[in-house]
Protein backbone atom coordinates (compact mmCIF):
# COMPACT_ATOMS: atom_id res chain seq x y z
CA UNK A 1 85.01 87.63 102.47
CA UNK A 2 85.40 90.41 99.93
CA UNK A 3 85.53 89.46 96.27
CA UNK A 4 84.52 86.22 94.64
CA UNK A 5 88.12 85.22 93.95
CA UNK A 6 89.28 85.95 97.50
CA UNK A 7 91.46 83.31 99.14
CA UNK A 8 91.76 83.49 102.91
CA UNK A 9 95.45 84.38 102.89
CA UNK A 10 97.49 87.44 103.78
CA UNK A 11 101.06 88.47 103.13
CA UNK A 12 103.00 91.60 103.98
CA UNK A 13 105.26 93.77 101.84
CA UNK A 14 106.94 96.51 103.79
CA UNK A 15 104.32 98.17 105.96
CA UNK A 16 101.37 96.99 103.86
CA UNK A 17 99.21 93.89 104.18
CA UNK A 18 97.85 92.19 101.07
CA UNK A 19 95.03 89.73 100.72
CA UNK A 20 91.68 88.91 102.25
CA UNK A 21 89.95 91.91 103.80
CA UNK A 22 92.35 94.47 102.32
CA UNK A 23 91.87 96.76 99.31
CA UNK A 24 94.07 95.93 96.33
CA UNK A 25 97.77 96.64 96.71
CA UNK A 26 98.47 99.02 93.85
CA UNK A 27 101.87 99.01 92.16
CA UNK A 28 103.07 101.75 89.81
CA UNK A 29 105.47 100.19 87.29
CA UNK A 30 108.17 102.66 86.25
CA UNK A 31 109.86 100.35 83.70
CA UNK A 32 111.78 102.46 81.17
CA UNK A 33 109.57 105.53 81.46
CA UNK A 34 112.39 107.42 83.19
CA UNK A 35 113.83 107.91 79.68
CA UNK A 36 117.36 107.53 81.10
CA UNK A 37 116.88 110.65 83.22
CA UNK A 38 117.51 110.15 86.93
CA UNK A 39 115.58 113.30 87.82
CA UNK A 40 112.60 111.97 85.91
CA UNK A 41 112.81 108.65 87.79
CA UNK A 42 112.71 110.51 91.11
CA UNK A 43 109.71 112.54 89.94
CA UNK A 44 107.88 109.33 88.98
CA UNK A 45 108.32 108.06 92.55
CA UNK A 46 106.97 111.37 93.86
CA UNK A 47 104.01 111.23 91.46
CA UNK A 48 103.20 107.68 92.51
CA UNK A 49 103.28 108.66 96.17
CA UNK A 50 100.96 111.59 95.50
CA UNK A 51 98.59 109.31 93.56
CA UNK A 52 98.24 107.10 96.65
CA UNK A 53 99.81 103.87 95.45
CA UNK A 54 101.54 101.56 97.90
CA UNK A 55 104.58 100.69 95.78
CA UNK A 56 106.72 101.63 92.81
CA UNK A 57 108.42 98.88 90.86
CA UNK A 58 111.64 98.99 88.88
CA UNK A 59 113.16 96.50 86.47
CA UNK A 60 116.70 95.40 87.25
CA UNK A 61 118.65 94.20 84.23
CA UNK A 62 121.08 95.37 81.61
CA UNK A 63 120.90 94.65 77.91
CA UNK A 64 123.69 92.11 78.44
CA UNK A 65 121.95 90.26 81.29
CA UNK A 66 118.70 89.86 79.38
CA UNK A 67 119.89 89.17 75.80
CA UNK A 68 122.93 89.48 73.51
CA UNK A 69 123.84 92.13 70.96
CA UNK A 70 122.77 90.39 67.76
CA UNK A 71 120.89 91.71 64.73
CA UNK A 72 119.53 88.52 63.18
CA UNK A 73 115.78 88.30 62.64
CA UNK A 74 115.10 86.25 65.75
CA UNK A 75 116.58 89.05 67.87
CA UNK A 76 114.45 91.73 66.23
CA UNK A 77 110.92 92.87 67.17
CA UNK A 78 108.64 92.70 64.14
CA UNK A 79 105.29 94.04 65.42
CA UNK A 80 103.76 96.56 67.79
CA UNK A 81 105.23 99.64 69.43
CA UNK A 82 108.83 98.46 69.09
CA UNK A 83 108.74 97.00 65.56
CA UNK A 84 112.09 97.01 63.80
CA UNK A 85 114.24 97.30 66.89
CA UNK A 86 116.63 94.65 68.12
CA UNK A 87 116.13 93.31 71.62
CA UNK A 88 119.52 94.66 72.64
CA UNK A 89 118.72 98.18 71.44
CA UNK A 90 115.34 98.14 73.16
CA UNK A 91 116.63 96.87 76.49
CA UNK A 92 119.64 99.17 76.42
CA UNK A 93 117.24 102.12 76.17
CA UNK A 94 114.71 100.80 78.67
CA UNK A 95 116.92 99.51 81.48
CA UNK A 96 117.28 101.32 84.78
CA UNK A 97 121.00 101.91 85.45
CA UNK A 98 122.14 99.87 88.40
CA UNK A 99 124.05 102.80 89.87
CA UNK A 100 120.71 104.64 90.21
CA UNK A 101 119.14 101.98 92.39
CA UNK A 102 120.45 102.97 95.80
CA UNK A 103 119.41 106.60 95.36
CA UNK A 104 115.98 105.48 94.13
CA UNK A 105 115.53 103.17 97.13
CA UNK A 106 116.65 105.94 99.51
CA UNK A 107 114.33 108.46 97.87
CA UNK A 108 111.36 106.09 98.14
CA UNK A 109 112.14 105.50 101.82
CA UNK A 110 112.14 109.26 102.45
CA UNK A 111 108.79 109.52 100.69
CA UNK A 112 107.43 106.59 102.73
CA UNK A 113 106.54 104.53 99.67
CA UNK A 114 107.68 100.96 99.04
CA UNK A 115 110.12 100.33 96.20
CA UNK A 116 111.03 96.91 94.81
CA UNK A 117 112.03 95.46 91.47
CA UNK A 118 111.89 92.69 88.90
CA UNK A 119 115.20 90.85 88.75
CA UNK A 120 115.98 89.22 85.42
CA UNK A 121 118.92 87.05 86.47
CA UNK A 122 120.69 85.85 89.61
CA UNK A 123 123.09 88.81 89.67
CA UNK A 124 120.10 91.14 89.85
CA UNK A 125 118.70 89.21 92.84
CA UNK A 126 122.07 89.47 94.61
CA UNK A 127 122.26 93.18 93.84
CA UNK A 128 118.71 93.82 95.10
CA UNK A 129 119.39 91.78 98.24
CA UNK A 130 122.24 94.16 99.04
CA UNK A 131 119.68 96.96 98.79
CA UNK A 132 117.30 95.07 101.12
CA UNK A 133 114.52 94.97 98.54
CA UNK A 134 111.30 93.97 100.35
CA UNK A 135 109.89 91.79 97.55
CA UNK A 136 110.56 90.45 94.06
CA UNK A 137 108.44 90.57 90.94
CA UNK A 138 108.88 87.88 88.31
CA UNK A 139 108.00 89.34 84.92
CA UNK A 140 105.67 87.43 82.63
CA UNK A 141 108.39 86.55 80.11
CA UNK A 142 110.49 85.08 82.95
CA UNK A 143 107.79 82.87 84.49
CA UNK A 144 109.29 79.85 82.69
CA UNK A 145 112.75 80.55 84.18
CA UNK A 146 112.30 78.20 87.12
CA UNK A 147 115.93 78.47 88.34
CA UNK A 148 115.55 82.26 88.57
CA UNK A 149 112.23 81.89 90.39
CA UNK A 150 113.74 79.45 92.89
CA UNK A 151 116.70 81.75 93.49
CA UNK A 152 114.46 84.74 94.18
CA UNK A 153 112.08 82.68 96.32
CA UNK A 154 114.97 81.28 98.37
CA UNK A 155 115.49 84.76 99.85
CA UNK A 156 112.20 84.29 101.72
CA UNK A 157 110.93 87.61 100.39
CA UNK A 158 107.39 87.87 98.96
CA UNK A 159 107.18 86.91 95.30
CA UNK A 160 104.76 88.44 92.80
CA UNK A 161 104.56 86.72 89.41
CA UNK A 162 102.84 87.73 86.17
CA UNK A 163 101.37 85.01 83.99
CA UNK A 164 101.35 86.61 80.51
CA UNK A 165 102.18 84.05 77.77
CA UNK A 166 102.19 81.18 80.27
CA UNK A 167 100.01 78.09 79.99
CA UNK A 168 98.10 76.78 82.99
CA UNK A 169 100.74 74.07 83.50
CA UNK A 170 103.57 76.60 83.31
CA UNK A 171 101.85 78.73 85.93
CA UNK A 172 101.56 75.66 88.14
CA UNK A 173 105.24 74.86 87.69
CA UNK A 174 106.25 78.41 88.63
CA UNK A 175 104.09 78.33 91.75
CA UNK A 176 105.55 74.97 92.73
CA UNK A 177 109.07 76.38 92.25
CA UNK A 178 108.33 79.06 94.86
CA UNK A 179 106.72 76.58 97.25
CA UNK A 180 109.67 74.21 96.93
CA UNK A 181 111.66 76.95 98.65
CA UNK A 182 109.18 76.89 101.58
CA UNK A 183 108.01 80.33 100.55
CA UNK A 184 104.25 80.84 100.76
CA UNK A 185 104.42 84.62 100.37
CA UNK A 186 103.22 84.58 96.80
CA UNK A 187 100.79 86.49 94.60
CA UNK A 188 100.10 85.51 90.99
CA UNK A 189 98.99 88.27 88.64
CA UNK A 190 96.82 87.42 85.68
CA UNK A 191 98.36 89.25 82.74
CA UNK A 192 97.97 89.66 79.00
CA UNK A 193 101.42 90.39 77.58
CA UNK A 194 100.27 92.57 74.73
CA UNK A 195 101.64 96.11 74.62
CA UNK A 196 99.01 97.51 74.63
CA UNK A 197 96.47 94.75 75.29
CA UNK A 198 92.82 94.73 74.27
CA UNK A 199 90.34 94.71 77.18
CA UNK A 200 88.34 92.12 75.22
CA UNK A 201 91.28 89.76 75.74
CA UNK A 202 91.43 90.30 79.49
CA UNK A 203 89.32 87.27 80.50
CA UNK A 204 89.42 88.45 84.09
CA UNK A 205 87.61 85.41 85.43
CA UNK A 206 90.92 83.61 84.82
CA UNK A 207 92.24 85.61 87.77
CA UNK A 208 89.56 84.01 89.94
CA UNK A 209 90.36 80.56 88.58
CA UNK A 210 94.05 81.00 89.42
CA UNK A 211 93.15 81.89 93.01
CA UNK A 212 90.96 78.84 93.55
CA UNK A 213 92.89 76.35 91.42
CA UNK A 214 96.19 77.02 93.16
CA UNK A 215 94.86 78.25 96.53
CA UNK A 216 96.79 81.48 96.15
CA UNK A 217 96.32 85.23 96.19
CA UNK A 218 95.78 86.60 92.71
CA UNK A 219 95.62 89.97 91.04
CA UNK A 220 96.15 91.76 87.75
CA UNK A 221 99.06 93.20 85.81
CA UNK A 222 97.43 95.35 83.16
CA UNK A 223 98.68 96.78 79.86
CA UNK A 224 95.38 98.04 78.46
CA UNK A 225 94.51 101.69 77.98
CA UNK A 226 92.69 103.45 80.83
CA UNK A 227 91.49 102.14 84.17
CA UNK A 228 88.39 100.09 83.32
CA UNK A 229 90.11 96.69 83.39
CA UNK A 230 91.84 97.21 86.78
CA UNK A 231 88.60 98.47 88.31
CA UNK A 232 86.76 95.41 86.99
CA UNK A 233 89.50 93.18 88.42
CA UNK A 234 89.09 94.89 91.79
CA UNK A 235 85.38 94.10 91.71
CA UNK A 236 86.32 90.47 91.12
CA UNK A 237 88.56 90.45 94.19
CA UNK A 238 92.06 91.30 92.93
CA UNK A 239 94.61 91.44 95.75
CA UNK A 240 97.14 93.36 93.65
CA UNK A 241 96.83 95.77 90.72
CA UNK A 242 99.93 96.65 88.69
CA UNK A 243 99.91 99.38 86.05
CA UNK A 244 102.61 101.39 84.25
CA UNK A 245 103.11 105.04 85.19
CA UNK A 246 104.63 107.91 83.22
CA UNK A 247 104.91 111.62 83.82
CA UNK A 248 103.63 112.40 80.33
CA UNK A 249 102.77 110.20 77.37
CA UNK A 250 103.49 113.14 75.07
CA UNK A 251 107.12 113.14 76.21
CA UNK A 252 107.59 109.58 74.97
CA UNK A 253 109.31 106.57 76.47
CA UNK A 254 109.38 102.88 75.64
CA UNK A 255 106.22 102.07 77.62
CA UNK A 256 104.56 105.47 77.72
CA UNK A 257 101.85 104.62 75.16
CA UNK A 258 99.97 102.30 77.54
CA UNK A 259 101.02 103.98 80.80
CA UNK A 260 98.89 106.21 83.02
CA UNK A 261 99.80 109.80 83.74
CA UNK A 262 99.82 110.92 87.41
CA UNK A 263 96.26 112.28 87.50
CA UNK A 264 94.98 109.13 85.81
CA UNK A 265 96.84 107.06 88.38
CA UNK A 266 95.12 109.02 91.16
CA UNK A 267 91.79 108.17 89.54
CA UNK A 268 92.81 104.50 89.32
CA UNK A 269 93.66 104.38 93.03
CA UNK A 270 90.49 106.17 94.11
CA UNK A 271 88.19 104.17 91.83
CA UNK A 272 89.70 100.80 92.74
CA UNK A 273 89.34 101.59 96.44
CA UNK A 274 85.74 102.65 95.91
CA UNK A 275 85.09 99.43 93.98
CA UNK A 276 86.63 97.38 96.78
CA UNK A 277 84.62 99.14 99.48
CA UNK A 278 81.46 98.52 97.44
CA UNK A 279 82.02 94.75 97.59
CA UNK A 280 81.26 94.65 101.31
CA UNK A 281 79.64 91.49 102.61
CA UNK A 282 76.39 89.58 102.16
CA UNK A 283 73.72 91.70 103.82
CA UNK A 284 69.95 92.05 103.50
CA UNK A 285 69.67 94.49 106.39
CA UNK A 286 68.34 98.01 105.97
CA UNK A 287 71.21 100.38 105.24
CA UNK A 288 71.52 103.75 107.03
CA UNK A 289 70.93 105.64 103.77
CA UNK A 290 67.70 103.69 103.22
CA UNK A 291 66.00 104.30 106.56
CA UNK A 292 64.31 107.57 105.68
CA UNK A 293 63.09 106.16 102.36
CA UNK A 294 61.53 103.07 103.88
CA UNK A 295 58.38 105.05 104.67
CA UNK A 296 57.90 105.82 100.98
CA UNK A 297 57.37 102.21 99.94
CA UNK A 298 53.91 101.20 98.81
CA UNK A 299 51.10 100.30 101.21
CA UNK A 300 47.30 100.12 101.26
CA UNK A 301 45.52 103.49 101.52
CA UNK A 302 41.90 104.55 101.54
CA UNK A 303 41.45 106.61 98.35
CA UNK A 304 37.71 107.38 98.71
CA UNK A 305 35.81 108.16 101.92
CA UNK A 306 34.12 105.17 103.57
CA UNK A 307 31.19 104.88 105.96
CA UNK A 308 31.11 102.35 108.76
CA UNK A 309 29.96 99.01 107.33
CA UNK A 310 30.82 99.93 103.74
CA UNK A 311 32.65 97.24 101.76
CA UNK A 312 36.26 97.67 100.77
CA UNK A 313 36.69 97.56 96.98
CA UNK A 314 39.09 98.53 94.19
CA UNK A 315 37.34 101.91 94.10
CA UNK A 316 38.16 102.86 97.70
CA UNK A 317 41.48 101.20 98.53
CA UNK A 318 44.69 101.09 96.49
CA UNK A 319 48.35 100.22 96.82
CA UNK A 320 50.16 103.58 96.73
CA UNK A 321 53.05 105.43 98.28
CA UNK A 322 53.82 106.18 101.16
CA UNK A 323 54.22 103.03 103.20
CA UNK A 324 52.39 103.69 106.44
CA UNK A 325 49.47 101.34 105.80
CA UNK A 326 49.09 97.58 105.56
CA UNK A 327 51.46 95.86 103.17
CA UNK A 328 50.10 95.41 99.62
CA UNK A 329 50.19 91.63 100.06
CA UNK A 330 47.03 91.94 102.20
CA UNK A 331 45.02 93.58 99.40
CA UNK A 332 43.11 90.45 98.34
CA UNK A 333 42.39 89.63 101.99
CA UNK A 334 40.82 93.05 102.59
CA UNK A 335 38.70 93.30 99.44
CA UNK A 336 35.05 92.41 100.28
CA UNK A 337 35.46 93.04 104.01
CA UNK A 338 33.57 95.86 105.77
CA UNK A 339 34.90 99.03 107.41
CA UNK A 340 34.65 99.08 111.22
CA UNK A 341 34.24 102.89 111.25
CA UNK A 342 34.08 105.93 109.03
CA UNK A 343 37.41 106.42 107.23
CA UNK A 344 38.57 109.61 105.53
CA UNK A 345 40.21 109.63 102.09
CA UNK A 346 44.03 109.56 102.41
CA UNK A 347 44.06 107.37 105.53
CA UNK A 348 46.59 104.53 105.74
CA UNK A 349 44.66 101.29 106.08
CA UNK A 350 45.23 99.47 109.37
CA UNK A 351 43.92 96.17 110.67
CA UNK A 352 41.53 97.77 113.16
CA UNK A 353 39.69 99.40 110.25
CA UNK A 354 38.83 96.00 108.73
CA UNK A 355 35.97 93.89 110.07
C-alpha cells in the first residue's frame, strides 16, 4: 500500500478515484482570486486544467450568509493580510456571485475538469444541489457547524473537510456527523488555518494520525508558500492536496499572497505525482536501472601474478571493482590457501583457483 498513512479505502468524485493506490487528488482553490471578474474566474479554471489538476473549488456564500454587517471590534480582523477590515467587507469582496455559478460549472464541464464548492449554509447546499455539484467541501472554520455538515452529508455526495483550528475531539465529532448520515464518502484534510502558514507549523504526521485514528482517508489543505509542504504530504500518503490558485500574485486578490500561479501549480502537480510514484512498494529486488551496474560491485581479484601452489595473501588478492570474482565475504577464507594453477594479474578470483 502506498504511503504510510494510507487507509484501504476509495471514493469517487466525478470521473476520478481517490484513495489507496491512486496519486493524490489535487484541488485548485479559486476562493476570491477572481477579483470579482467573471472572465478571470473562467481563466482560472482554464489554467487549472492546463496545470493538470483534477478539480477546481469555489466558495458559495454571500457576506450576509456568513456574517452580518457590523463594525464592532469582534467583527473586525486585527492581524495578518486582512488586518483592519470588517468580516462583512472582506467576504463581500471575496465571495463568488451566485449568478456566476452555473456558467462556471458549464465551463468546467466543457473543459473536462471537475468543479465543486464549499457551502457555508443550508441555502448554499440547496443551490449547489440544483447545479448537481459532485461533492462538498467543509471549510476549516465551519468544521464545528455540525448541522451544516449533516445537511451536506445527507445529500450522499462525497464530503471533504478541513481541520484547521479544530481540536481532535471536534474533528471526531465532525466525522461522526457525516457517518450519522450513512455517508462514508469522506476525506479529512489536515490544515493549518494561518494565511499564510509557516511550514514549521505543518506537523504533517498529524495527517497520518487522522487516517489511522478515524480509519479515514486523509490529505492536506495547505496555505504555506511554495510547494514543499504538499510534496512532503504526498510522500506521507496524502489522498488529497488542496492549494489556492491565482493567475498572478502581482495583480492582487484577497488570497493571492499565498496562492500559486499557473506555472507553479503545474510544478506542484508534476512533483506530487513524481513523489507518489516514488513511494512504490516494499521491494528488495534488483531494479531494471541497476542491472548493468551490478557487475561493478566489489569482488575478489588477483592483483599480482601467482604461480601454481603459491599462497594467497593481502599482497596478491584484494576486494576491488568490478564484481566478476568471488564475493568479498570469502576473503578471510581464501587467505592462506594455495593457488591451483598459474593466475595472471587482473583475473577475477573463482573457487576453482583455490586449493
